[in-house]
Protein backbone atom coordinates (compact mmCIF):
# COMPACT_ATOMS: atom_id res chain seq x y z
CA UNK A 1 141.72 -96.05 24.25
CA UNK A 2 144.45 -97.51 26.46
CA UNK A 3 147.61 -98.38 24.62
CA UNK A 4 150.30 -100.87 25.82
CA UNK A 5 153.61 -101.96 24.09
CA UNK A 6 155.52 -105.11 24.86
CA UNK A 7 159.21 -105.12 24.98
CA UNK A 8 160.34 -108.59 24.18
CA UNK A 9 159.03 -112.11 23.34
CA UNK A 10 158.96 -113.14 27.03
CA UNK A 11 157.30 -109.87 28.01
CA UNK A 12 154.37 -110.54 25.70
CA UNK A 13 152.74 -112.86 28.23
CA UNK A 14 152.84 -110.30 31.08
CA UNK A 15 151.76 -107.49 28.87
CA UNK A 16 148.76 -109.31 27.37
CA UNK A 17 147.57 -110.13 30.90
CA UNK A 18 147.75 -106.43 31.94
CA UNK A 19 145.78 -105.51 28.72
CA UNK A 20 143.19 -107.97 29.57
CA UNK A 21 143.12 -106.61 33.20
CA UNK A 22 142.57 -103.02 31.93
CA UNK A 23 139.92 -104.10 29.27
CA UNK A 24 137.88 -106.03 31.77
CA UNK A 25 138.27 -103.50 34.70
CA UNK A 26 137.44 -100.44 32.61
CA UNK A 27 135.22 -101.98 29.96
CA UNK A 28 137.18 -100.55 27.07
CA UNK A 29 139.07 -101.84 24.09
CA UNK A 30 142.94 -101.86 24.58
CA UNK A 31 145.50 -101.52 21.96
CA UNK A 32 148.69 -103.80 22.31
CA UNK A 33 151.70 -102.89 20.23
CA UNK A 34 154.26 -105.35 19.06
CA UNK A 35 156.44 -105.52 15.91
CA UNK A 36 158.28 -107.94 13.70
CA UNK A 37 161.49 -108.07 15.83
CA UNK A 38 159.43 -109.41 18.76
CA UNK A 39 157.36 -111.74 16.64
CA UNK A 40 160.36 -113.42 15.10
CA UNK A 41 162.50 -113.23 18.34
CA UNK A 42 162.92 -115.64 21.13
CA UNK A 43 164.21 -115.73 24.70
CA UNK A 44 164.19 -117.93 27.73
CA UNK A 45 160.81 -117.82 29.51
CA UNK A 46 159.88 -119.41 32.80
CA UNK A 47 156.40 -120.86 32.52
CA UNK A 48 154.43 -119.37 35.50
CA UNK A 49 152.39 -121.30 37.91
CA UNK A 50 148.55 -120.96 37.19
CA UNK A 51 148.01 -120.18 40.88
CA UNK A 52 150.11 -117.05 40.62
CA UNK A 53 148.46 -115.52 37.62
CA UNK A 54 146.09 -112.52 38.38
CA UNK A 55 142.25 -113.00 38.92
CA UNK A 56 140.74 -111.77 35.67
CA UNK A 57 137.15 -112.86 36.40
CA UNK A 58 134.35 -110.44 35.66
CA UNK A 59 131.32 -109.58 37.87
CA UNK A 60 128.37 -109.23 35.59
CA UNK A 61 125.15 -107.23 36.24
CA UNK A 62 122.40 -109.40 38.05
CA UNK A 63 119.75 -106.77 38.56
CA UNK A 64 118.37 -103.55 37.20
CA UNK A 65 120.33 -100.47 38.03
CA UNK A 66 118.19 -97.58 36.85
CA UNK A 67 119.14 -94.45 38.69
CA UNK A 68 115.35 -93.35 38.89
CA UNK A 69 114.63 -96.37 41.02
CA UNK A 70 112.75 -98.04 38.18
CA UNK A 71 113.12 -101.80 37.11
CA UNK A 72 115.02 -101.12 33.97
CA UNK A 73 118.78 -101.84 33.22
CA UNK A 74 120.65 -98.64 32.23
CA UNK A 75 123.71 -99.82 30.43
CA UNK A 76 125.68 -96.43 30.75
CA UNK A 77 125.65 -96.17 34.60
CA UNK A 78 129.19 -95.84 35.58
CA UNK A 79 131.15 -96.69 38.83
CA UNK A 80 133.76 -94.57 40.46
CA UNK A 81 136.23 -95.50 37.59
CA UNK A 82 133.78 -94.47 35.01
CA UNK A 83 133.39 -98.06 33.98
CA UNK A 84 129.96 -99.43 32.92
CA UNK A 85 128.26 -102.67 34.21
CA UNK A 86 128.19 -105.67 31.84
CA UNK A 87 125.04 -107.60 31.44
CA UNK A 88 125.14 -111.01 29.65
CA UNK A 89 122.91 -110.85 26.66
CA UNK A 90 119.66 -112.66 27.34
CA UNK A 91 119.64 -112.06 31.12
CA UNK A 92 115.87 -111.47 32.11
CA UNK A 93 115.13 -107.83 32.83
CA UNK A 94 118.51 -106.52 31.76
CA UNK A 95 117.84 -106.23 28.16
CA UNK A 96 119.57 -103.20 26.50
CA UNK A 97 120.56 -101.72 23.18
CA UNK A 98 123.99 -102.01 21.81
CA UNK A 99 125.68 -100.74 18.61
CA UNK A 100 128.02 -98.20 17.20
CA UNK A 101 125.74 -95.13 17.31
CA UNK A 102 126.12 -92.56 20.14
CA UNK A 103 124.06 -93.51 23.27
CA UNK A 104 122.50 -91.22 25.84
CA UNK A 105 124.26 -91.07 29.19
CA UNK A 106 122.71 -93.52 31.54
CA UNK A 107 119.79 -95.04 29.83
CA UNK A 108 121.81 -95.90 26.69
CA UNK A 109 119.18 -94.87 24.13
CA UNK A 110 120.42 -93.73 20.72
CA UNK A 111 121.09 -89.99 20.96
CA UNK A 112 121.73 -87.32 18.35
CA UNK A 113 122.18 -84.58 21.00
CA UNK A 114 125.43 -82.56 20.37
CA UNK A 115 125.76 -81.81 24.08
CA UNK A 116 125.32 -85.47 25.01
CA UNK A 117 127.94 -86.39 22.32
CA UNK A 118 130.56 -84.04 23.89
CA UNK A 119 129.64 -85.30 27.40
CA UNK A 120 130.12 -88.99 26.41
CA UNK A 121 133.38 -88.27 24.56
CA UNK A 122 134.78 -86.45 27.68
CA UNK A 123 133.60 -89.21 29.94
CA UNK A 124 135.43 -91.86 27.87
CA UNK A 125 138.56 -89.70 27.77
CA UNK A 126 138.33 -89.19 31.57
CA UNK A 127 137.92 -93.09 31.99
CA UNK A 128 141.16 -93.69 29.95
CA UNK A 129 142.96 -90.95 31.87
CA UNK A 130 142.04 -92.60 35.09
CA UNK A 131 143.38 -96.15 34.20
CA UNK A 132 145.65 -97.15 36.92
CA UNK A 133 149.17 -98.18 35.69
CA UNK A 134 152.48 -98.51 37.61
CA UNK A 135 155.05 -95.73 37.67
CA UNK A 136 157.90 -95.86 35.26
CA UNK A 137 161.01 -97.29 36.75
CA UNK A 138 164.52 -96.06 35.97
CA UNK A 139 167.76 -98.00 35.70
CA UNK A 140 170.30 -95.56 36.98
CA UNK A 141 173.05 -97.74 38.89
CA UNK A 142 175.09 -94.70 39.98
CA UNK A 143 172.17 -92.45 40.75
CA UNK A 144 174.17 -89.58 39.26
CA UNK A 145 173.35 -89.78 35.46
CA UNK A 146 172.42 -86.66 33.76
CA UNK A 147 171.27 -88.41 30.57
CA UNK A 148 168.24 -90.59 30.34
CA UNK A 149 167.44 -92.94 27.48
CA UNK A 150 163.70 -93.56 27.16
CA UNK A 151 162.41 -96.33 24.92
CA UNK A 152 159.29 -98.45 24.08
CA UNK A 153 158.69 -101.52 22.39
CA UNK A 154 161.43 -103.77 20.92
CA UNK A 155 164.07 -101.06 21.36
CA UNK A 156 164.52 -102.43 24.90
CA UNK A 157 167.19 -104.83 24.11
CA UNK A 158 169.52 -102.77 22.12
CA UNK A 159 169.03 -99.71 24.36
CA UNK A 160 169.96 -101.82 27.38
CA UNK A 161 172.98 -103.27 25.74
CA UNK A 162 174.20 -99.88 24.71
CA UNK A 163 173.70 -98.42 28.24
CA UNK A 164 175.52 -101.40 29.89
CA UNK A 165 178.39 -100.97 27.49
CA UNK A 166 178.83 -97.33 28.31
CA UNK A 167 178.61 -98.00 32.05
CA UNK A 168 181.33 -100.69 31.78
CA UNK A 169 183.52 -97.77 30.42
CA UNK A 170 182.71 -95.64 33.40
CA UNK A 171 180.00 -93.58 31.89
CA UNK A 172 176.89 -92.46 33.75
CA UNK A 173 173.69 -93.10 31.87
CA UNK A 174 170.20 -93.98 32.92
CA UNK A 175 167.46 -96.05 31.11
CA UNK A 176 163.73 -96.18 31.35
CA UNK A 177 161.30 -98.04 29.17
CA UNK A 178 157.55 -97.45 28.74
CA UNK A 179 154.91 -100.15 28.60
CA UNK A 180 152.02 -97.88 28.94
CA UNK A 181 151.69 -95.38 26.21
CA UNK A 182 148.21 -94.12 27.04
CA UNK A 183 147.70 -93.20 29.65
CA UNK A 184 151.32 -92.43 30.51
CA UNK A 185 152.45 -93.32 34.07
CA UNK A 186 151.78 -90.53 36.50
CA UNK A 187 155.39 -90.02 37.48
CA UNK A 188 156.70 -89.84 33.90
CA UNK A 189 156.85 -86.09 33.87
CA UNK A 190 158.89 -85.97 37.10
CA UNK A 191 161.27 -88.54 35.76
CA UNK A 192 161.95 -86.62 32.57
CA UNK A 193 162.61 -83.31 34.35
CA UNK A 194 165.04 -85.04 36.52
CA UNK A 195 167.60 -85.22 33.72
CA UNK A 196 169.51 -82.72 31.73
CA UNK A 197 168.97 -84.63 28.47
CA UNK A 198 166.40 -87.21 27.38
CA UNK A 199 167.12 -89.33 24.27
CA UNK A 200 164.19 -91.20 22.67
CA UNK A 201 165.29 -93.86 20.14
CA UNK A 202 162.33 -95.13 17.95
CA UNK A 203 161.92 -97.37 15.03
CA UNK A 204 159.59 -94.91 13.44
CA UNK A 205 159.57 -91.13 12.75
CA UNK A 206 159.58 -90.03 16.33
CA UNK A 207 155.99 -90.27 17.56
CA UNK A 208 156.64 -90.80 21.16
CA UNK A 209 159.34 -87.95 21.26
CA UNK A 210 156.65 -85.64 19.75
CA UNK A 211 154.10 -86.71 22.41
CA UNK A 212 156.56 -86.14 25.26
CA UNK A 213 157.52 -82.66 23.90
CA UNK A 214 153.77 -81.72 23.81
CA UNK A 215 152.78 -83.16 27.05
CA UNK A 216 155.72 -82.37 29.37
CA UNK A 217 157.42 -79.59 27.52
CA UNK A 218 160.79 -81.39 27.68
CA UNK A 219 163.41 -80.98 24.95
CA UNK A 220 163.51 -84.72 24.11
CA UNK A 221 165.98 -85.70 21.52
CA UNK A 222 164.54 -87.99 18.76
CA UNK A 223 166.75 -90.59 17.19
CA UNK A 224 164.88 -92.61 14.51
CA UNK A 225 165.25 -95.30 12.00
CA UNK A 226 162.77 -96.75 9.62
CA UNK A 227 164.86 -98.95 7.61
CA UNK A 228 163.03 -102.24 8.53
CA UNK A 229 166.03 -103.33 10.68
CA UNK A 230 166.44 -103.06 14.44
CA UNK A 231 168.92 -100.73 16.30
CA UNK A 232 172.39 -102.27 16.89
CA UNK A 233 174.28 -101.88 20.08
CA UNK A 234 177.23 -100.23 18.51
CA UNK A 235 174.88 -97.80 16.63
CA UNK A 236 173.36 -96.54 19.85
CA UNK A 237 176.66 -96.48 21.73
CA UNK A 238 177.73 -93.94 19.25
CA UNK A 239 174.62 -91.88 19.56
CA UNK A 240 174.52 -91.99 23.36
CA UNK A 241 178.22 -91.24 23.74
CA UNK A 242 177.80 -88.08 21.75
CA UNK A 243 175.41 -86.72 24.42
CA UNK A 244 177.67 -87.83 27.16
CA UNK A 245 180.40 -85.57 25.73
CA UNK A 246 182.28 -88.59 24.64
CA UNK A 247 183.61 -89.71 21.27
CA UNK A 248 182.99 -93.24 20.00
CA UNK A 249 186.82 -93.83 20.28
CA UNK A 250 186.84 -92.69 23.82
CA UNK A 251 183.84 -94.69 24.72
CA UNK A 252 185.57 -97.88 23.40
């Protein structure tokens, strides 16, 4: 399923809206990641105008869509993005079977056929792979950094603070942050290969770094902590400085 991660308390609003956009557009569950630092944190947030919010309305099915020209509703007929139509329960003529068992492609009848099961699994994977997400943006003021720090979730604040502290001391370091963890932004591989070293700080055992190595074959450096406390700016300055060929004393 699609997976998104919010980076700060104020960012939760925008991330939730985008998660809903994906869920409604592609007819799929969406997993939204947060953590205790975000849940108990706070920051200034400008309340948006309702008129500026995205249109998240849904067009429901209103007539049969059987591919054989019949008068039945086939709940597993898909559009170009592999999303299915939604029919409001009780709509006359659009009755269909729902539930957790595997369904036959198109008609949606319960199916125990192994080939249909593989076909449906691959369809769902292709749908998630095709979810449109923005490209990852890189904060690299000098445009000459050779080290990229890639984060996700609540590591955004301390990573940014550490990078700014190093830049103020004349060091060149780039920062990028992922909101979309599945699917990854389409330009992520190109961004990673642009740098000599990619550092991935995570408050876990390095799951994102593992995925990046497997997907893009980059030698991502994993820096992790699972102590139940967030990263501190000074801690990350020390780590990043080491990969910039700079000691902590020199960075200070």
